[in-house]
Protein backbone atom coordinates (compact mmCIF):
# COMPACT_ATOMS: atom_id res chain seq x y z
CA UNK A 1 -7.60 -4.47 -15.01
CA UNK A 2 -4.35 -3.13 -13.55
CA UNK A 3 -2.93 -3.63 -10.03
CA UNK A 4 -0.69 -0.04 -10.05
CA UNK A 5 2.78 -1.62 -10.08
CA UNK A 6 4.50 -0.07 -12.71
CA UNK A 7 6.26 -2.38 -15.01
CA UNK A 8 8.52 0.21 -16.73
CA UNK A 9 9.61 4.01 -17.55
CA UNK A 10 9.22 4.55 -21.54
CA UNK A 11 9.48 7.66 -23.54
CA UNK A 12 6.73 9.22 -25.91
CA UNK A 13 8.51 9.03 -29.30
CA UNK A 14 5.62 10.58 -31.15
CA UNK A 15 1.83 12.59 -30.52
CA UNK A 16 0.07 13.95 -33.46
CA UNK A 17 -3.36 15.38 -32.72
CA UNK A 18 -6.08 16.07 -34.91
CA UNK A 19 -9.75 17.79 -33.53
CA UNK A 20 -10.11 17.00 -30.62
CA UNK A 21 -8.50 13.42 -30.07
CA UNK A 22 -4.54 12.18 -30.41
CA UNK A 23 -2.64 9.52 -31.58
CA UNK A 24 0.46 8.59 -29.58
CA UNK A 25 3.41 6.54 -30.25
CA UNK A 26 5.58 5.15 -26.71
CA UNK A 27 9.09 3.09 -27.10
CA UNK A 28 8.14 0.30 -25.03
CA UNK A 29 11.27 -0.96 -25.78
CA UNK A 30 11.56 -5.13 -25.35
CA UNK A 31 7.97 -4.91 -23.87
CA UNK A 32 6.14 -4.73 -27.18
CA UNK A 33 7.20 -8.29 -27.92
CA UNK A 34 4.85 -9.48 -25.84
CA UNK A 35 2.17 -6.98 -26.99
CA UNK A 36 -0.87 -7.30 -29.15
CA UNK A 37 -3.51 -5.04 -31.65
CA UNK A 38 -6.01 -4.65 -29.06
CA UNK A 39 -4.26 -4.63 -26.00
CA UNK A 40 -4.79 -2.78 -23.31
CA UNK A 41 -2.11 -0.56 -21.39
CA UNK A 42 -2.21 1.65 -19.05
CA UNK A 43 0.17 4.83 -19.44
CA UNK A 44 0.50 6.90 -16.34
CA UNK A 45 -2.74 5.52 -15.34
CA UNK A 46 -4.44 5.50 -18.07
CA UNK A 47 -6.24 2.49 -19.92
CA UNK A 48 -5.39 2.87 -23.32
CA UNK A 49 -5.72 0.11 -26.19
CA UNK A 50 -2.66 -0.75 -28.70
CA UNK A 51 -3.51 0.03 -32.00
CA UNK A 52 -0.40 -0.61 -33.99
CA UNK A 53 2.81 -1.74 -33.21
CA UNK A 54 6.24 -1.20 -35.12
CA UNK A 55 8.59 -2.69 -34.21
CA UNK A 56 9.02 -1.26 -29.95
CA UNK A 57 6.65 1.16 -30.64
CA UNK A 58 2.70 1.03 -29.85
CA UNK A 59 0.33 2.94 -31.42
CA UNK A 60 -2.48 4.55 -29.16
CA UNK A 61 -5.65 6.39 -29.50
CA UNK A 62 -6.18 9.11 -27.71
CA UNK A 63 -10.10 10.30 -27.67
CA UNK A 64 -11.32 14.17 -27.12
CA UNK A 65 -12.72 12.94 -23.61
CA UNK A 66 -9.68 10.81 -21.75
CA UNK A 67 -7.60 14.14 -22.89
CA UNK A 68 -10.31 16.17 -21.10
CA UNK A 69 -9.98 14.41 -18.11
CA UNK A 70 -6.37 13.50 -18.02
CA UNK A 71 -3.01 15.29 -17.86
CA UNK A 72 -2.19 13.11 -21.19
CA UNK A 73 -2.40 16.40 -22.98
CA UNK A 74 0.39 17.81 -21.22
CA UNK A 75 2.63 15.20 -23.04
CA UNK A 76 5.54 15.75 -25.66
CA UNK A 77 7.88 14.06 -27.61
CA UNK A 78 10.50 12.45 -25.38
CA UNK A 79 7.81 12.57 -21.90
CA UNK A 80 8.53 9.83 -19.92
CA UNK A 81 5.66 7.70 -18.13
CA UNK A 82 4.62 4.77 -16.61
CA UNK A 83 3.78 1.53 -18.01
CA UNK A 84 1.42 -1.46 -16.96
CA UNK A 85 0.24 -3.76 -19.13
CA UNK A 86 -3.35 -5.63 -17.78
CA UNK A 87 -3.37 -8.31 -15.54
CA UNK A 88 -2.97 -11.90 -17.07
CA UNK A 89 -5.21 -15.03 -15.33
CA UNK A 90 -2.29 -16.28 -14.31
CA UNK A 91 -0.49 -13.00 -12.39
CA UNK A 92 -0.10 -12.99 -8.76
CA UNK A 93 -2.16 -9.56 -7.41
CA UNK A 94 -0.35 -6.90 -5.54
CA UNK A 95 -0.94 -3.28 -5.50
CA UNK A 96 -4.94 -2.53 -5.75
CA UNK A 97 -7.59 -3.04 -7.93
CA UNK A 98 -6.88 -0.27 -10.45
CA UNK A 99 -9.00 0.05 -13.86
CA UNK A 100 -7.30 2.40 -15.57
CA UNK A 101 -10.63 4.90 -15.62
CA UNK A 102 -9.11 8.23 -14.06
CA UNK A 103 -11.65 9.93 -12.02
CA UNK A 104 -9.39 13.89 -12.75
CA UNK A 105 -6.23 15.25 -11.92
CA UNK A 106 -4.61 17.05 -8.88
CA UNK A 107 -0.79 18.97 -8.74
CA UNK A 108 1.77 18.46 -6.69
CA UNK A 109 2.18 21.62 -4.41
CA UNK A 110 5.48 20.38 -2.68
CA UNK A 111 7.80 17.39 -2.52
CA UNK A 112 10.03 17.21 0.46
CA UNK A 113 13.22 14.85 0.10
CA UNK A 114 13.31 12.86 3.34
CA UNK A 115 16.72 10.83 2.64
CA UNK A 116 16.11 8.41 0.33
CA UNK A 117 12.24 8.92 1.02
CA UNK A 118 9.95 11.99 -0.21
CA UNK A 119 6.88 13.09 1.06
CA UNK A 120 4.65 14.59 -2.24
CA UNK A 121 2.14 17.23 -1.22
CA UNK A 122 -0.90 17.23 -4.09
CA UNK A 123 -3.74 19.58 -4.44
CA UNK A 124 -7.56 18.07 -5.83
CA UNK A 125 -11.06 18.87 -5.76
CA UNK A 126 -13.01 18.05 -3.28
CA UNK A 127 -15.12 15.90 -5.30
CA UNK A 128 -12.04 13.76 -5.92
CA UNK A 129 -11.01 14.41 -1.92
CA UNK A 130 -14.53 12.87 -1.36
CA UNK A 131 -13.37 9.74 -2.39
CA UNK A 132 -10.16 9.43 -0.85
CA UNK A 133 -9.35 7.83 2.56
CA UNK A 134 -6.49 7.98 4.62
CA UNK A 135 -4.37 5.18 4.58
CA UNK A 136 -6.45 4.40 1.78
CA UNK A 137 -5.67 3.33 -2.00
CA UNK A 138 -5.21 6.01 -4.76
CA UNK A 139 -3.50 5.54 -8.21
CA UNK A 140 -1.47 8.21 -9.29
CA UNK A 141 -0.49 8.26 -12.78
CA UNK A 142 -1.19 4.75 -12.56
CA UNK A 143 1.40 4.27 -9.19
CA UNK A 144 -0.45 2.14 -6.35
CA UNK A 145 -0.23 4.57 -2.99
CA UNK A 146 -1.02 5.37 0.41
CA UNK A 147 -2.25 7.91 1.00
CA UNK A 148 -1.30 9.09 4.32
CA UNK A 149 -3.93 12.21 5.44
CA UNK A 150 -5.92 14.49 3.74
CA UNK A 151 -7.93 17.63 4.51
CA UNK A 152 -10.17 19.18 2.45
CA UNK A 153 -8.44 20.67 -1.09
CA UNK A 154 -5.00 18.62 -0.62
CA UNK A 155 -3.68 14.88 0.34
CA UNK A 156 -0.09 13.80 1.31
CA UNK A 157 2.29 10.47 -0.25
CA UNK A 158 4.90 9.10 1.40
CA UNK A 159 6.97 7.38 -1.22
CA UNK A 160 9.65 4.77 -0.65
CA UNK A 161 12.83 4.33 -2.67
CA UNK A 162 11.84 1.73 -5.01
CA UNK A 163 8.95 3.88 -6.65
CA UNK A 164 11.29 6.89 -6.75
CA UNK A 165 13.63 4.42 -8.88
CA UNK A 166 11.08 2.65 -10.90
CA UNK A 167 8.15 5.37 -11.30
CA UNK A 168 8.27 8.92 -13.23
CA UNK A 169 7.54 10.01 -9.32
CA UNK A 170 11.40 10.01 -9.22
CA UNK A 171 12.22 12.96 -11.49
CA UNK A 172 8.47 14.52 -10.69
CA UNK A 173 8.47 18.46 -10.29
CA UNK A 174 5.86 21.00 -8.26
CA UNK A 175 3.25 22.28 -10.27
CA UNK A 176 3.28 19.52 -12.69
CA UNK A 177 -0.67 17.34 -13.02
CA UNK A 178 -0.91 13.89 -12.39
CA UNK A 179 -4.16 11.41 -12.85
CA UNK A 180 -5.94 10.47 -10.27
CA UNK A 181 -8.04 7.00 -9.77
CA UNK A 182 -9.67 7.04 -6.39
CA UNK A 183 -10.10 3.53 -4.86
CA UNK A 184 -13.04 1.68 -6.70
CA UNK A 185 -13.89 -0.01 -3.57
CA UNK A 186 -14.16 3.61 -1.33
CA UNK A 187 -16.53 4.85 -4.71
CA UNK A 188 -18.90 1.89 -4.66
CA UNK A 189 -18.90 1.97 -1.09
CA UNK A 190 -20.04 5.92 -0.97
CA UNK A 191 -22.13 5.71 -3.68
CA UNK A 192 -24.29 2.87 -1.95
CA UNK A 193 -24.02 5.13 1.21
CA UNK A 194 -25.59 8.29 -0.58
CA UNK A 195 -28.07 6.25 -1.74
CA UNK A 196 -29.65 4.61 1.77
CA UNK A 197 -29.30 7.62 4.34
CA UNK A 198 -31.26 9.94 4.49
CA UNK A 199 -29.27 13.86 4.05
CA UNK A 200 -29.21 16.37 2.25
CA UNK A 201 -26.20 17.07 -0.35
CA UNK A 202 -23.23 14.83 -1.10
CA UNK A 203 -21.57 12.39 1.48
CA UNK A 204 -18.37 13.82 2.46
CA UNK A 205 -15.36 11.67 4.04
CA UNK A 206 -16.11 14.40 7.06
CA UNK A 207 -20.30 12.98 7.38
CA UNK A 208 -18.86 9.52 7.23
CA UNK A 209 -16.44 10.24 10.41
CA UNK A 210 -19.92 12.08 11.98
CA UNK A 211 -21.62 8.86 11.24
CA UNK A 212 -18.89 6.15 12.76
CA UNK A 213 -17.68 5.33 9.95
């Protein structure tokens, strides 16, 4: 499990593709000294397993399923990625519960600078939007963030300077794809409500508001 608090921005060293899978090598720098083969590390919010370690470089095997549902397929050599190692038992919990299981991708539609802050608008499929709530948590490329507002096809995030300076959102550009993991608590509640409430069709955020939630 992860928290969505990024430890470091790292660079992609190499990418090797074979059929529908990929081998990804990332320069972890000093973090690599504390890593072991089999460790879980979130790369742009995607939970991957360390398969090899060579000095400061760690290698990860990426399945076709992961490539099809995340933005990892867009990575290039020297691409910058967010890194977070899995929580240890003695870790202090921050951010929110992030599993590293990406639900889909969103596109950056607009970046508005407001002094040292940024307001970023993302477009996403309705299925992703339906698992979000205003003021709720969402992981964007592994970063724990709070949703300012949303509609049927988009949502906004207000990003503080600390996040801009220490994650890839500081160098993000319009048109880019980002990985989205919605809050596991919201997904669990939504699933249970769909099971117990008599209704036709899927449960949406709009329907929940109509029901008084």
